[in-house]
Amino acid sequence: MNKKIIEVFDNSWPGRDYTIEIVNPEFTSVCPKTGLPDFGTITITYIPGKSCIELKSLKYYFLEFRNAGIFYENITNRMLDDLVEACSPKTMTVKTEWKARGGITESVTVSYNASLQ
């Protein structure tokens, strides 16, 4: 996945803490074991620092995963790392929630806090 696709813009209120939530209810990737498609919802919640994530570029970043054989846990952690690197937020949480396959669902949540780094 090409993280260089992610664009940011200046946060007009870097001294104010406010929360941005981005939800993609139509995320797709491929199971690395079976090659079958996986469908999920990605929720990104963050308090921006000096920059914010530009949504059109984020959409294209999500599409990078569409044909990738990758586990849920790897998607979630990879997204957090790529997005934190792109926009240096004060805090960020990425949650992935996956549709049932074989009667089993899964969700994965990973968080970053700049003050703890």
N, C-alpha and C. Protein backbone atom coordinates (compact mmCIF):
# COMPACT_ATOMS: atom_id res chain seq x y z
N MET A 1 0.83 -1.17 0.00
CA MET A 1 0.00 0.00 0.00
C MET A 1 0.88 1.25 0.00
N ASN A 2 0.53 2.18 -0.82
CA ASN A 2 1.33 3.38 -0.99
C ASN A 2 0.85 4.48 -0.04
N LYS A 3 1.54 4.64 1.08
CA LYS A 3 1.14 5.65 2.06
C LYS A 3 1.39 7.08 1.57
N LYS A 4 2.18 7.23 0.52
CA LYS A 4 2.47 8.56 -0.02
C LYS A 4 1.25 9.18 -0.69
N ILE A 5 0.21 8.37 -0.90
CA ILE A 5 -1.05 8.87 -1.47
C ILE A 5 -1.73 9.82 -0.49
N ILE A 6 -1.53 9.61 0.81
CA ILE A 6 -2.23 10.38 1.84
C ILE A 6 -1.77 11.83 1.83
N GLU A 7 -2.71 12.74 1.63
CA GLU A 7 -2.42 14.16 1.66
C GLU A 7 -3.01 14.77 2.92
N VAL A 8 -2.43 15.87 3.34
CA VAL A 8 -2.92 16.59 4.53
C VAL A 8 -3.06 18.07 4.19
N PHE A 9 -3.77 18.78 5.05
CA PHE A 9 -3.86 20.24 4.92
C PHE A 9 -3.69 20.84 6.31
N ASP A 10 -3.32 22.12 6.35
CA ASP A 10 -3.06 22.78 7.62
C ASP A 10 -4.32 22.83 8.48
N ASN A 11 -4.15 22.53 9.76
CA ASN A 11 -5.21 22.66 10.74
C ASN A 11 -5.31 24.14 11.11
N SER A 12 -6.46 24.73 10.89
CA SER A 12 -6.64 26.15 11.19
C SER A 12 -6.70 26.45 12.68
N TRP A 13 -6.91 25.43 13.51
CA TRP A 13 -6.99 25.61 14.97
C TRP A 13 -6.09 24.62 15.69
N PRO A 14 -4.77 24.68 15.47
CA PRO A 14 -3.86 23.69 16.09
C PRO A 14 -3.79 23.79 17.61
N GLY A 15 -4.18 24.92 18.19
CA GLY A 15 -4.16 25.07 19.64
C GLY A 15 -5.43 24.57 20.32
N ARG A 16 -6.41 24.18 19.54
CA ARG A 16 -7.69 23.73 20.08
C ARG A 16 -7.82 22.22 19.86
N ASP A 17 -8.19 21.50 20.91
CA ASP A 17 -8.44 20.07 20.76
C ASP A 17 -9.88 19.85 20.31
N TYR A 18 -10.04 19.24 19.16
CA TYR A 18 -11.36 18.83 18.67
C TYR A 18 -11.20 17.49 17.97
N THR A 19 -12.27 16.75 17.91
CA THR A 19 -12.22 15.38 17.39
C THR A 19 -12.80 15.30 15.99
N ILE A 20 -12.06 14.61 15.13
CA ILE A 20 -12.51 14.33 13.77
C ILE A 20 -12.77 12.83 13.70
N GLU A 21 -13.93 12.44 13.16
CA GLU A 21 -14.23 11.03 12.96
C GLU A 21 -14.52 10.79 11.50
N ILE A 22 -13.83 9.83 10.92
CA ILE A 22 -13.99 9.46 9.52
C ILE A 22 -14.46 8.01 9.49
N VAL A 23 -15.54 7.74 8.77
CA VAL A 23 -16.08 6.38 8.70
C VAL A 23 -16.16 5.95 7.24
N ASN A 24 -15.60 4.79 6.95
CA ASN A 24 -15.72 4.18 5.62
C ASN A 24 -16.46 2.85 5.80
N PRO A 25 -17.77 2.82 5.49
CA PRO A 25 -18.54 1.60 5.69
C PRO A 25 -18.43 0.59 4.54
N GLU A 26 -17.60 0.90 3.54
CA GLU A 26 -17.52 0.05 2.35
C GLU A 26 -16.08 -0.40 2.05
N PHE A 27 -15.30 -0.65 3.09
CA PHE A 27 -13.91 -1.05 2.91
C PHE A 27 -13.83 -2.50 2.44
N THR A 28 -12.93 -2.77 1.51
CA THR A 28 -12.72 -4.14 1.05
C THR A 28 -11.24 -4.46 0.98
N SER A 29 -10.94 -5.72 1.27
CA SER A 29 -9.60 -6.27 1.11
C SER A 29 -9.78 -7.74 0.76
N VAL A 30 -8.70 -8.51 0.79
CA VAL A 30 -8.75 -9.92 0.42
C VAL A 30 -8.12 -10.75 1.53
N CYS A 31 -8.77 -11.86 1.86
CA CYS A 31 -8.20 -12.78 2.85
C CYS A 31 -6.92 -13.41 2.28
N PRO A 32 -5.81 -13.33 3.01
CA PRO A 32 -4.56 -13.88 2.49
C PRO A 32 -4.55 -15.41 2.45
N LYS A 33 -5.44 -16.05 3.16
CA LYS A 33 -5.50 -17.52 3.18
C LYS A 33 -6.38 -18.08 2.07
N THR A 34 -7.56 -17.47 1.88
CA THR A 34 -8.52 -18.02 0.93
C THR A 34 -8.60 -17.26 -0.39
N GLY A 35 -8.15 -16.01 -0.39
CA GLY A 35 -8.28 -15.17 -1.58
C GLY A 35 -9.68 -14.60 -1.75
N LEU A 36 -10.56 -14.86 -0.77
CA LEU A 36 -11.93 -14.35 -0.83
C LEU A 36 -11.97 -12.91 -0.33
N PRO A 37 -12.94 -12.12 -0.80
CA PRO A 37 -13.02 -10.73 -0.36
C PRO A 37 -13.48 -10.61 1.09
N ASP A 38 -12.94 -9.62 1.78
CA ASP A 38 -13.36 -9.25 3.12
C ASP A 38 -14.02 -7.87 3.04
N PHE A 39 -15.08 -7.69 3.82
CA PHE A 39 -15.82 -6.43 3.82
C PHE A 39 -15.88 -5.90 5.24
N GLY A 40 -15.57 -4.63 5.39
CA GLY A 40 -15.57 -4.07 6.73
C GLY A 40 -15.86 -2.59 6.76
N THR A 41 -15.95 -2.10 7.99
CA THR A 41 -16.11 -0.67 8.25
C THR A 41 -14.86 -0.17 8.96
N ILE A 42 -14.28 0.89 8.45
CA ILE A 42 -13.11 1.51 9.05
C ILE A 42 -13.55 2.81 9.70
N THR A 43 -13.22 2.98 10.98
CA THR A 43 -13.52 4.23 11.69
C THR A 43 -12.21 4.80 12.21
N ILE A 44 -11.91 6.02 11.79
CA ILE A 44 -10.71 6.73 12.23
C ILE A 44 -11.17 7.91 13.06
N THR A 45 -10.70 7.98 14.30
CA THR A 45 -11.03 9.09 15.19
C THR A 45 -9.73 9.72 15.64
N TYR A 46 -9.60 11.05 15.47
CA TYR A 46 -8.34 11.69 15.87
C TYR A 46 -8.53 13.13 16.30
N ILE A 47 -7.59 13.57 17.11
CA ILE A 47 -7.45 14.97 17.47
C ILE A 47 -6.26 15.48 16.66
N PRO A 48 -6.50 16.38 15.72
CA PRO A 48 -5.39 16.81 14.86
C PRO A 48 -4.36 17.66 15.59
N GLY A 49 -3.15 17.59 15.08
CA GLY A 49 -2.09 18.48 15.53
C GLY A 49 -2.04 19.65 14.57
N LYS A 50 -0.95 19.76 13.81
CA LYS A 50 -0.79 20.87 12.87
C LYS A 50 -1.48 20.61 11.53
N SER A 51 -1.88 19.35 11.27
CA SER A 51 -2.50 19.07 9.98
C SER A 51 -3.65 18.08 10.11
N CYS A 52 -4.50 18.08 9.08
CA CYS A 52 -5.67 17.20 9.01
C CYS A 52 -5.55 16.34 7.75
N ILE A 53 -6.22 15.20 7.75
CA ILE A 53 -6.20 14.29 6.62
C ILE A 53 -7.18 14.77 5.55
N GLU A 54 -6.72 14.82 4.31
CA GLU A 54 -7.56 15.21 3.19
C GLU A 54 -8.33 13.96 2.74
N LEU A 55 -9.67 14.06 2.67
CA LEU A 55 -10.52 12.89 2.49
C LEU A 55 -10.42 12.21 1.13
N LYS A 56 -10.28 12.97 0.05
CA LYS A 56 -10.18 12.34 -1.27
C LYS A 56 -8.94 11.45 -1.35
N SER A 57 -7.84 11.93 -0.83
CA SER A 57 -6.62 11.11 -0.85
C SER A 57 -6.76 9.89 0.05
N LEU A 58 -7.49 10.04 1.15
CA LEU A 58 -7.73 8.90 2.04
C LEU A 58 -8.54 7.83 1.32
N LYS A 59 -9.52 8.26 0.53
CA LYS A 59 -10.32 7.30 -0.24
C LYS A 59 -9.42 6.49 -1.17
N TYR A 60 -8.49 7.14 -1.84
CA TYR A 60 -7.58 6.43 -2.74
C TYR A 60 -6.61 5.53 -1.96
N TYR A 61 -6.22 5.96 -0.78
CA TYR A 61 -5.39 5.11 0.09
C TYR A 61 -6.16 3.84 0.45
N PHE A 62 -7.43 3.97 0.83
CA PHE A 62 -8.25 2.80 1.15
C PHE A 62 -8.30 1.84 -0.03
N LEU A 63 -8.40 2.37 -1.24
CA LEU A 63 -8.48 1.51 -2.43
C LEU A 63 -7.21 0.68 -2.64
N GLU A 64 -6.10 1.14 -2.09
CA GLU A 64 -4.85 0.39 -2.18
C GLU A 64 -4.98 -1.00 -1.55
N PHE A 65 -5.89 -1.15 -0.60
CA PHE A 65 -6.07 -2.42 0.11
C PHE A 65 -7.01 -3.38 -0.63
N ARG A 66 -7.72 -2.88 -1.61
CA ARG A 66 -8.80 -3.64 -2.23
C ARG A 66 -8.40 -5.03 -2.71
N ASN A 67 -7.24 -5.16 -3.31
CA ASN A 67 -6.79 -6.46 -3.83
C ASN A 67 -5.63 -7.04 -3.05
N ALA A 68 -5.35 -6.45 -1.90
CA ALA A 68 -4.22 -6.92 -1.10
C ALA A 68 -4.64 -8.07 -0.20
N GLY A 69 -3.87 -9.13 -0.19
CA GLY A 69 -4.10 -10.23 0.75
C GLY A 69 -3.47 -9.87 2.08
N ILE A 70 -4.30 -9.48 3.05
CA ILE A 70 -3.76 -8.95 4.30
C ILE A 70 -4.74 -9.24 5.44
N PHE A 71 -4.20 -9.63 6.58
CA PHE A 71 -5.02 -9.93 7.76
C PHE A 71 -5.60 -8.66 8.36
N TYR A 72 -6.75 -8.81 9.04
CA TYR A 72 -7.43 -7.67 9.68
C TYR A 72 -6.51 -6.90 10.62
N GLU A 73 -5.77 -7.64 11.44
CA GLU A 73 -4.88 -7.01 12.42
C GLU A 73 -3.80 -6.17 11.72
N ASN A 74 -3.30 -6.68 10.61
CA ASN A 74 -2.26 -5.97 9.87
C ASN A 74 -2.82 -4.72 9.20
N ILE A 75 -4.04 -4.80 8.68
CA ILE A 75 -4.67 -3.62 8.08
C ILE A 75 -4.79 -2.51 9.12
N THR A 76 -5.32 -2.86 10.28
CA THR A 76 -5.61 -1.87 11.31
C THR A 76 -4.33 -1.19 11.79
N ASN A 77 -3.31 -1.98 12.10
CA ASN A 77 -2.05 -1.42 12.58
C ASN A 77 -1.31 -0.65 11.49
N ARG A 78 -1.35 -1.14 10.27
CA ARG A 78 -0.70 -0.46 9.15
C ARG A 78 -1.34 0.91 8.91
N MET A 79 -2.67 0.95 8.95
CA MET A 79 -3.36 2.24 8.75
C MET A 79 -2.97 3.24 9.83
N LEU A 80 -2.96 2.79 11.08
CA LEU A 80 -2.59 3.71 12.15
C LEU A 80 -1.19 4.26 11.91
N ASP A 81 -0.23 3.39 11.63
CA ASP A 81 1.15 3.84 11.40
C ASP A 81 1.23 4.83 10.23
N ASP A 82 0.58 4.51 9.12
CA ASP A 82 0.64 5.37 7.94
C ASP A 82 -0.03 6.72 8.19
N LEU A 83 -1.18 6.72 8.86
CA LEU A 83 -1.90 7.97 9.10
C LEU A 83 -1.20 8.85 10.13
N VAL A 84 -0.65 8.23 11.17
CA VAL A 84 0.11 9.01 12.16
C VAL A 84 1.32 9.65 11.50
N GLU A 85 2.01 8.90 10.65
CA GLU A 85 3.17 9.45 9.95
C GLU A 85 2.76 10.61 9.04
N ALA A 86 1.61 10.50 8.40
CA ALA A 86 1.17 11.54 7.46
C ALA A 86 0.74 12.83 8.14
N CYS A 87 0.03 12.73 9.29
CA CYS A 87 -0.57 13.96 9.83
C CYS A 87 -0.15 14.31 11.25
N SER A 88 0.65 13.49 11.91
CA SER A 88 1.13 13.76 13.27
C SER A 88 0.03 14.25 14.21
N PRO A 89 -0.99 13.44 14.44
CA PRO A 89 -2.09 13.86 15.32
C PRO A 89 -1.67 13.86 16.78
N LYS A 90 -2.49 14.52 17.60
CA LYS A 90 -2.27 14.45 19.05
C LYS A 90 -2.68 13.06 19.55
N THR A 91 -3.81 12.57 19.08
CA THR A 91 -4.26 11.20 19.36
C THR A 91 -4.94 10.67 18.11
N MET A 92 -4.95 9.34 17.98
CA MET A 92 -5.67 8.72 16.87
C MET A 92 -6.04 7.30 17.27
N THR A 93 -7.24 6.89 16.87
CA THR A 93 -7.69 5.52 17.03
C THR A 93 -8.22 5.04 15.69
N VAL A 94 -7.82 3.84 15.30
CA VAL A 94 -8.34 3.21 14.10
C VAL A 94 -9.06 1.94 14.55
N LYS A 95 -10.33 1.83 14.17
CA LYS A 95 -11.12 0.64 14.49
C LYS A 95 -11.60 0.03 13.20
N THR A 96 -11.39 -1.27 13.05
CA THR A 96 -11.90 -2.00 11.89
C THR A 96 -12.91 -3.02 12.40
N GLU A 97 -14.07 -3.06 11.74
CA GLU A 97 -15.13 -4.00 12.09
C GLU A 97 -15.47 -4.80 10.84
N TRP A 98 -15.40 -6.13 10.95
CA TRP A 98 -15.48 -6.99 9.78
C TRP A 98 -16.79 -7.76 9.73
N LYS A 99 -17.35 -7.89 8.53
CA LYS A 99 -18.58 -8.64 8.31
C LYS A 99 -18.34 -10.12 8.61
N ALA A 100 -19.40 -10.81 8.96
CA ALA A 100 -19.30 -12.23 9.33
C ALA A 100 -18.80 -13.07 8.16
N ARG A 101 -17.92 -13.98 8.52
CA ARG A 101 -17.48 -15.02 7.59
C ARG A 101 -17.51 -16.31 8.38
N GLY A 102 -18.29 -17.27 7.93
CA GLY A 102 -18.43 -18.52 8.66
C GLY A 102 -19.06 -18.33 10.03
N GLY A 103 -19.89 -17.29 10.16
CA GLY A 103 -20.57 -17.03 11.41
C GLY A 103 -19.75 -16.29 12.45
N ILE A 104 -18.54 -15.87 12.10
CA ILE A 104 -17.65 -15.18 13.05
C ILE A 104 -17.38 -13.77 12.56
N THR A 105 -17.51 -12.81 13.48
CA THR A 105 -17.13 -11.43 13.18
C THR A 105 -15.90 -11.08 14.01
N GLU A 106 -15.24 -10.02 13.60
CA GLU A 106 -14.06 -9.56 14.35
C GLU A 106 -13.99 -8.05 14.25
N SER A 107 -13.49 -7.44 15.31
CA SER A 107 -13.14 -6.02 15.26
C SER A 107 -11.76 -5.87 15.87
N VAL A 108 -11.02 -4.90 15.36
CA VAL A 108 -9.66 -4.63 15.84
C VAL A 108 -9.56 -3.13 16.08
N THR A 109 -9.04 -2.75 17.25
CA THR A 109 -8.88 -1.33 17.59
C THR A 109 -7.45 -1.09 18.02
N VAL A 110 -6.84 -0.05 17.48
CA VAL A 110 -5.47 0.32 17.86
C VAL A 110 -5.43 1.84 18.01
N SER A 111 -4.65 2.31 19.01
CA SER A 111 -4.62 3.74 19.33
C SER A 111 -3.19 4.27 19.42
N TYR A 112 -3.09 5.58 19.21
CA TYR A 112 -1.83 6.32 19.31
C TYR A 112 -2.09 7.57 20.13
N ASN A 113 -1.14 7.91 21.00
CA ASN A 113 -1.22 9.14 21.78
C ASN A 113 0.16 9.78 21.76
N ALA A 114 0.27 10.94 21.15
CA ALA A 114 1.57 11.61 20.99
C ALA A 114 2.21 11.89 22.34
N SER A 115 1.43 12.17 23.35
CA SER A 115 2.00 12.52 24.67
C SER A 115 2.62 11.31 25.35
N LEU A 116 2.32 10.09 24.87
CA LEU A 116 2.89 8.88 25.47
C LEU A 116 4.09 8.36 24.68
N GLN A 117 4.41 9.02 23.60
CA GLN A 117 5.53 8.54 22.75
C GLN A 117 6.86 9.09 23.20
